[in-house]
Protein backbone atom coordinates (compact mmCIF):
# COMPACT_ATOMS: atom_id res chain seq x y z
CA MET A 1 0.00 0.00 0.00
CA GLY A 2 2.89 2.34 0.75
CA VAL A 3 4.44 1.75 -2.67
CA LEU A 4 1.13 2.57 -4.35
CA SER A 5 0.91 5.81 -2.36
CA LEU A 6 4.41 6.75 -3.45
CA LEU A 7 3.59 6.03 -7.10
CA ILE A 8 0.45 8.16 -6.92
CA ALA A 9 2.37 10.97 -5.23
CA GLY A 10 5.02 10.76 -7.95
CA ALA A 11 2.39 10.91 -10.67
CA LEU A 12 0.82 13.99 -9.10
CA ILE A 13 4.21 15.69 -8.74
CA LEU A 14 4.93 14.95 -12.40
CA CYS A 15 1.53 16.35 -13.38
CA GLY A 16 2.32 19.49 -11.39
CA ALA A 17 5.64 19.86 -13.19
CA LEU A 18 4.02 19.34 -16.61
CA ALA A 19 0.98 21.54 -15.97
CA GLY A 20 2.73 24.52 -17.55
CA LYS A 21 2.77 22.70 -20.90
CA ARG A 22 -1.06 22.75 -20.80
CA SER A 23 -1.44 19.12 -21.82
CA ASN A 24 -4.99 17.86 -21.44
CA GLY A 25 -3.55 14.52 -20.33
CA VAL A 26 -2.30 16.20 -17.15
CA ARG A 27 -5.80 17.44 -16.33
CA VAL A 28 -7.36 14.04 -16.99
CA THR A 29 -4.71 12.23 -14.93
CA VAL A 30 -5.25 14.50 -11.94
CA ILE A 31 -9.04 14.11 -12.19
CA VAL A 32 -8.77 10.31 -12.32
CA ILE A 33 -6.37 10.09 -9.38
CA GLU A 34 -8.44 12.42 -7.21
CA ALA A 35 -11.69 10.70 -8.21
CA LEU A 36 -10.20 7.40 -7.07
CA SER A 37 -8.90 8.86 -3.81
CA LEU A 38 -12.28 10.31 -2.84
CA PRO A 39 -14.12 6.97 -2.35
CA SER A 40 -11.07 5.63 -0.54
CA GLY A 41 -11.20 8.53 1.89
CA LEU A 42 -14.94 8.17 2.39
CA LEU A 43 -14.52 4.46 3.05
CA GLY A 44 -11.85 5.20 5.63
CA LEU A 45 -14.13 7.75 7.26
CA PHE A 46 -17.10 5.42 7.53
CA GLN A 47 -15.10 2.40 8.62
CA GLY A 48 -13.69 4.38 11.48
CA GLY A 49 -10.08 3.62 10.61
CA GLY A 50 -9.11 7.19 9.86
CA GLY A 51 -11.68 9.21 11.75
CA VAL A 52 -11.39 12.96 11.49
CA SER A 53 -7.86 12.74 10.10
CA VAL A 54 -9.34 11.61 6.75
CA LEU A 55 -11.43 14.77 6.34
CA PRO A 56 -8.65 17.05 4.99
CA GLY A 57 -7.89 14.53 2.24
CA ILE A 58 -11.55 14.33 1.28
CA VAL A 59 -11.90 18.11 1.20
CA PHE A 60 -8.69 18.47 -0.82
CA ALA A 61 -9.86 15.87 -3.36
CA LEU A 62 -13.20 17.69 -3.74
CA VAL A 63 -11.49 21.06 -4.25
CA VAL A 64 -9.06 19.66 -6.83
CA LEU A 65 -11.83 17.80 -8.67
CA ARG A 66 -14.00 20.90 -8.82
CA SER A 67 -11.19 23.15 -10.02
CA PHE A 68 -9.80 20.75 -12.62
CA SER A 69 -13.30 19.92 -13.92
CA SER A 70 -14.30 23.55 -14.38
CA ALA A 71 -14.81 25.13 -17.78
CA GLU A 72 -11.92 27.52 -17.12
CA ALA A 73 -9.52 24.66 -16.42
CA ARG A 74 -10.74 22.78 -19.47
CA SER A 75 -10.15 25.78 -21.74
CA TRP A 76 -6.77 26.54 -20.14
CA PHE A 77 -5.48 23.00 -20.69
CA ASP A 78 -6.92 22.77 -24.23
CA ARG A 79 -4.85 25.72 -25.55
């Protein structure tokens, strides 16, 4: 599980580094990763394993999903 977390973190860092190139693949990759992390966080919240410590991750995933799915982000990455 730790290796998977490191791979995901590396992918997000790479997406951050490549965001300036405005590749739509970066936007899609970030959306997919955050969309997969959201149910995982919710599951951890409801199972009681993470408790309140899971909430910041859920909120962050929602903020990133909303911003990367917006029309402004779509047009910025499609240039």
